[in-house]
Amino acid sequence: MADLNPGISMLRKADPFRPNPRSPMSEMRYGNSANHEREGQNVLYGDGHVNYEPSPFCGPFEDNIYTGQNAASPNLMVSPAGPGDAVLLPVD
């Protein structure tokens, strides 16, 4: 679980597909949740701890938690590609 997926509306100046794990913060903001002014998101991990993460690339293997690994096009409504793919779907 984490803060709301930022990609639910492009009108909110979000594009979760834009940054990569090594993007500067100016680019990372496009992939972060809007809940904290796009500076990061709270993420609840499977072991029960919560971290504030400044990047959406905090899933397994630097996985973007808001996008699917094998999304052929910018489509947020995808199933995980495998056990190392974390996808938190947008819900408005």
N, C-alpha and C. Protein backbone atom coordinates (compact mmCIF):
# COMPACT_ATOMS: atom_id res chain seq x y z
N MET A 1 0.84 -1.17 0.00
CA MET A 1 0.00 0.00 0.00
C MET A 1 0.89 1.23 0.00
N ALA A 2 0.34 2.30 -0.56
CA ALA A 2 1.06 3.57 -0.59
C ALA A 2 0.06 4.69 -0.87
N ASP A 3 0.56 5.92 -0.88
CA ASP A 3 -0.28 7.04 -1.25
C ASP A 3 -0.80 6.85 -2.67
N LEU A 4 -1.86 7.58 -3.00
CA LEU A 4 -2.56 7.45 -4.28
C LEU A 4 -1.63 7.52 -5.48
N ASN A 5 -1.82 6.61 -6.41
CA ASN A 5 -1.09 6.58 -7.67
C ASN A 5 -1.25 7.93 -8.37
N PRO A 6 -0.16 8.54 -8.82
CA PRO A 6 -0.24 9.87 -9.42
C PRO A 6 -0.78 9.90 -10.83
N GLY A 7 -0.87 8.78 -11.49
CA GLY A 7 -1.20 8.77 -12.91
C GLY A 7 -2.65 8.73 -13.25
N ILE A 8 -3.51 8.94 -12.29
CA ILE A 8 -4.93 8.82 -12.55
C ILE A 8 -5.43 9.90 -13.51
N SER A 9 -4.79 11.05 -13.54
CA SER A 9 -5.21 12.13 -14.42
C SER A 9 -4.01 12.93 -14.89
N MET A 10 -3.83 13.03 -16.17
CA MET A 10 -2.73 13.83 -16.70
C MET A 10 -2.96 15.32 -16.42
N LEU A 11 -4.19 15.71 -16.08
CA LEU A 11 -4.48 17.09 -15.73
C LEU A 11 -3.80 17.49 -14.42
N ARG A 12 -3.39 16.51 -13.65
CA ARG A 12 -2.71 16.79 -12.38
C ARG A 12 -1.20 16.89 -12.56
N LYS A 13 -0.75 17.07 -13.77
CA LYS A 13 0.68 17.20 -14.10
C LYS A 13 1.48 15.99 -13.62
N ALA A 14 0.92 14.83 -13.86
CA ALA A 14 1.58 13.59 -13.48
C ALA A 14 1.87 12.76 -14.73
N ASP A 15 2.94 12.03 -14.68
CA ASP A 15 3.27 11.08 -15.73
C ASP A 15 4.19 10.03 -15.10
N PRO A 16 3.64 8.99 -14.49
CA PRO A 16 4.45 8.01 -13.80
C PRO A 16 5.44 7.27 -14.69
N PHE A 17 5.26 7.34 -16.01
CA PHE A 17 6.17 6.68 -16.94
C PHE A 17 7.38 7.55 -17.29
N ARG A 18 7.35 8.82 -16.92
CA ARG A 18 8.41 9.76 -17.31
C ARG A 18 9.75 9.51 -16.59
N PRO A 19 9.78 9.39 -15.26
CA PRO A 19 11.08 9.22 -14.60
C PRO A 19 11.63 7.80 -14.70
N ASN A 20 12.93 7.68 -14.46
CA ASN A 20 13.57 6.38 -14.33
C ASN A 20 14.30 6.39 -12.98
N PRO A 21 14.83 5.25 -12.52
CA PRO A 21 15.42 5.21 -11.18
C PRO A 21 16.54 6.22 -10.93
N ARG A 22 17.16 6.74 -11.96
CA ARG A 22 18.26 7.68 -11.77
C ARG A 22 17.91 9.12 -12.18
N SER A 23 16.63 9.38 -12.35
CA SER A 23 16.19 10.74 -12.72
C SER A 23 16.44 11.72 -11.58
N PRO A 24 16.71 12.98 -11.92
CA PRO A 24 16.82 13.99 -10.87
C PRO A 24 15.45 14.25 -10.23
N MET A 25 15.44 14.87 -9.09
CA MET A 25 14.18 15.11 -8.38
C MET A 25 13.20 15.92 -9.23
N SER A 26 13.70 16.81 -10.06
CA SER A 26 12.81 17.60 -10.92
C SER A 26 11.98 16.71 -11.85
N GLU A 27 12.52 15.58 -12.27
CA GLU A 27 11.80 14.61 -13.10
C GLU A 27 11.03 13.61 -12.24
N MET A 28 11.59 13.23 -11.09
CA MET A 28 10.96 12.23 -10.22
C MET A 28 9.59 12.70 -9.74
N ARG A 29 9.42 14.01 -9.62
CA ARG A 29 8.16 14.57 -9.15
C ARG A 29 6.98 14.13 -10.03
N TYR A 30 7.22 13.89 -11.33
CA TYR A 30 6.14 13.46 -12.22
C TYR A 30 5.63 12.06 -11.85
N GLY A 31 6.45 11.26 -11.20
CA GLY A 31 6.06 9.91 -10.83
C GLY A 31 5.64 9.74 -9.40
N ASN A 32 5.81 10.77 -8.57
CA ASN A 32 5.44 10.69 -7.16
C ASN A 32 3.97 11.03 -6.95
N SER A 33 3.42 10.54 -5.85
CA SER A 33 2.04 10.83 -5.48
C SER A 33 1.86 12.32 -5.23
N ALA A 34 0.69 12.83 -5.53
CA ALA A 34 0.39 14.25 -5.29
C ALA A 34 0.11 14.52 -3.81
N ASN A 35 -0.04 13.49 -3.01
CA ASN A 35 -0.41 13.67 -1.60
C ASN A 35 0.59 14.49 -0.79
N HIS A 36 1.83 14.52 -1.17
CA HIS A 36 2.87 15.25 -0.42
C HIS A 36 3.58 16.23 -1.34
N GLU A 37 2.78 16.96 -2.13
CA GLU A 37 3.28 17.95 -3.07
C GLU A 37 4.32 17.36 -4.02
N ARG A 38 4.13 16.09 -4.38
CA ARG A 38 4.98 15.35 -5.33
C ARG A 38 6.43 15.20 -4.86
N GLU A 39 6.65 15.32 -3.56
CA GLU A 39 8.00 15.14 -3.02
C GLU A 39 8.28 13.69 -2.63
N GLY A 40 7.25 12.85 -2.58
CA GLY A 40 7.42 11.45 -2.21
C GLY A 40 6.10 10.86 -1.76
N GLN A 41 6.17 9.66 -1.19
CA GLN A 41 4.97 8.96 -0.75
C GLN A 41 5.31 8.04 0.42
N ASN A 42 4.29 7.81 1.26
CA ASN A 42 4.40 6.82 2.32
C ASN A 42 4.12 5.47 1.71
N VAL A 43 4.96 4.50 2.02
CA VAL A 43 4.81 3.15 1.47
C VAL A 43 4.79 2.16 2.63
N LEU A 44 3.74 1.32 2.66
CA LEU A 44 3.62 0.25 3.63
C LEU A 44 4.18 -1.02 3.01
N TYR A 45 5.18 -1.59 3.63
CA TYR A 45 5.83 -2.80 3.12
C TYR A 45 5.20 -4.05 3.74
N GLY A 46 5.43 -5.18 3.11
CA GLY A 46 4.83 -6.45 3.52
C GLY A 46 5.17 -6.88 4.94
N ASP A 47 6.28 -6.41 5.48
CA ASP A 47 6.64 -6.79 6.84
C ASP A 47 6.03 -5.87 7.89
N GLY A 48 5.22 -4.90 7.43
CA GLY A 48 4.49 -4.03 8.35
C GLY A 48 5.12 -2.67 8.60
N HIS A 49 6.34 -2.41 8.12
CA HIS A 49 6.93 -1.09 8.35
C HIS A 49 6.52 -0.12 7.25
N VAL A 50 6.55 1.17 7.59
CA VAL A 50 6.21 2.23 6.65
C VAL A 50 7.43 3.13 6.49
N ASN A 51 7.74 3.48 5.25
CA ASN A 51 8.81 4.42 4.95
C ASN A 51 8.25 5.53 4.08
N TYR A 52 8.78 6.73 4.28
CA TYR A 52 8.51 7.82 3.36
C TYR A 52 9.58 7.74 2.27
N GLU A 53 9.16 7.50 1.04
CA GLU A 53 10.08 7.29 -0.08
C GLU A 53 10.05 8.49 -1.02
N PRO A 54 11.20 9.09 -1.32
CA PRO A 54 11.24 10.24 -2.23
C PRO A 54 11.16 9.86 -3.71
N SER A 55 11.04 8.58 -3.99
CA SER A 55 11.00 8.08 -5.36
C SER A 55 9.97 6.96 -5.45
N PRO A 56 9.25 6.84 -6.59
CA PRO A 56 8.34 5.72 -6.75
C PRO A 56 9.08 4.40 -7.04
N PHE A 57 10.39 4.47 -7.24
CA PHE A 57 11.19 3.28 -7.53
C PHE A 57 11.65 2.64 -6.22
N CYS A 58 10.70 2.17 -5.46
CA CYS A 58 11.00 1.59 -4.15
C CYS A 58 10.44 0.18 -4.02
N GLY A 59 9.98 -0.38 -5.12
CA GLY A 59 9.51 -1.75 -5.12
C GLY A 59 10.68 -2.71 -5.29
N PRO A 60 10.40 -3.99 -5.42
CA PRO A 60 11.48 -4.97 -5.61
C PRO A 60 12.33 -4.61 -6.83
N PHE A 61 13.63 -4.69 -6.69
CA PHE A 61 14.56 -4.46 -7.80
C PHE A 61 14.41 -3.07 -8.42
N GLU A 62 14.20 -2.04 -7.59
CA GLU A 62 13.97 -0.66 -8.05
C GLU A 62 12.75 -0.55 -8.95
N ASP A 63 11.76 -1.32 -8.68
CA ASP A 63 10.51 -1.33 -9.43
C ASP A 63 9.69 -0.09 -9.10
N ASN A 64 9.11 0.54 -10.13
CA ASN A 64 8.21 1.67 -9.93
C ASN A 64 6.89 1.09 -9.41
N ILE A 65 6.50 1.48 -8.21
CA ILE A 65 5.30 0.91 -7.59
C ILE A 65 4.01 1.36 -8.25
N TYR A 66 4.07 2.37 -9.12
CA TYR A 66 2.87 2.89 -9.76
C TYR A 66 2.71 2.46 -11.22
N THR A 67 3.63 1.69 -11.76
CA THR A 67 3.51 1.22 -13.15
C THR A 67 3.87 -0.26 -13.23
N GLY A 68 3.40 -0.92 -14.27
CA GLY A 68 3.77 -2.30 -14.52
C GLY A 68 5.09 -2.36 -15.28
N GLN A 69 5.89 -3.37 -15.01
CA GLN A 69 7.20 -3.48 -15.66
C GLN A 69 7.09 -3.69 -17.16
N ASN A 70 6.10 -4.42 -17.60
CA ASN A 70 6.00 -4.77 -19.02
C ASN A 70 4.90 -4.01 -19.74
N ALA A 71 4.55 -2.84 -19.25
CA ALA A 71 3.51 -2.07 -19.93
C ALA A 71 4.04 -1.62 -21.29
N ALA A 72 3.41 -2.09 -22.34
CA ALA A 72 3.87 -1.77 -23.70
C ALA A 72 3.62 -0.31 -24.04
N SER A 73 2.61 0.26 -23.42
CA SER A 73 2.30 1.67 -23.62
C SER A 73 1.92 2.26 -22.28
N PRO A 74 1.87 3.57 -22.17
CA PRO A 74 1.49 4.17 -20.90
C PRO A 74 0.08 3.77 -20.48
N ASN A 75 -0.02 2.64 -19.83
CA ASN A 75 -1.29 2.09 -19.35
C ASN A 75 -1.10 1.70 -17.90
N LEU A 76 -1.82 2.33 -17.01
CA LEU A 76 -1.66 2.06 -15.58
C LEU A 76 -2.48 0.86 -15.12
N MET A 77 -3.46 0.46 -15.88
CA MET A 77 -4.35 -0.62 -15.46
C MET A 77 -3.83 -1.95 -15.99
N VAL A 78 -2.72 -2.41 -15.44
CA VAL A 78 -2.10 -3.66 -15.86
C VAL A 78 -1.87 -4.56 -14.65
N SER A 79 -1.78 -5.84 -14.91
CA SER A 79 -1.45 -6.80 -13.86
C SER A 79 0.06 -6.84 -13.68
N PRO A 80 0.53 -7.23 -12.51
CA PRO A 80 1.98 -7.37 -12.32
C PRO A 80 2.56 -8.35 -13.32
N ALA A 81 3.78 -8.07 -13.78
CA ALA A 81 4.46 -8.91 -14.77
C ALA A 81 5.02 -10.18 -14.15
N GLY A 82 5.19 -10.20 -12.85
CA GLY A 82 5.75 -11.35 -12.16
C GLY A 82 5.92 -11.05 -10.68
N PRO A 83 6.55 -11.93 -9.94
CA PRO A 83 6.66 -11.75 -8.49
C PRO A 83 7.50 -10.54 -8.08
N GLY A 84 8.34 -10.01 -8.93
CA GLY A 84 9.14 -8.84 -8.59
C GLY A 84 8.54 -7.53 -9.04
N ASP A 85 7.31 -7.56 -9.55
CA ASP A 85 6.66 -6.37 -10.08
C ASP A 85 5.56 -5.91 -9.12
N ALA A 86 5.76 -4.76 -8.52
CA ALA A 86 4.74 -4.17 -7.63
C ALA A 86 3.94 -3.14 -8.44
N VAL A 87 2.63 -3.28 -8.47
CA VAL A 87 1.78 -2.33 -9.18
C VAL A 87 0.65 -1.90 -8.25
N LEU A 88 0.64 -0.62 -7.88
CA LEU A 88 -0.43 -0.06 -7.06
C LEU A 88 -1.33 0.73 -8.00
N LEU A 89 -2.46 0.17 -8.32
CA LEU A 89 -3.36 0.75 -9.32
C LEU A 89 -4.02 2.02 -8.82
N PRO A 90 -4.33 2.94 -9.74
CA PRO A 90 -5.02 4.17 -9.34
C PRO A 90 -6.48 3.86 -8.98
N VAL A 91 -6.93 4.47 -7.91
CA VAL A 91 -8.33 4.38 -7.50
C VAL A 91 -8.74 5.78 -7.10
N ASP A 92 -9.77 6.29 -7.75
CA ASP A 92 -10.18 7.67 -7.47
C ASP A 92 -11.49 7.67 -6.74
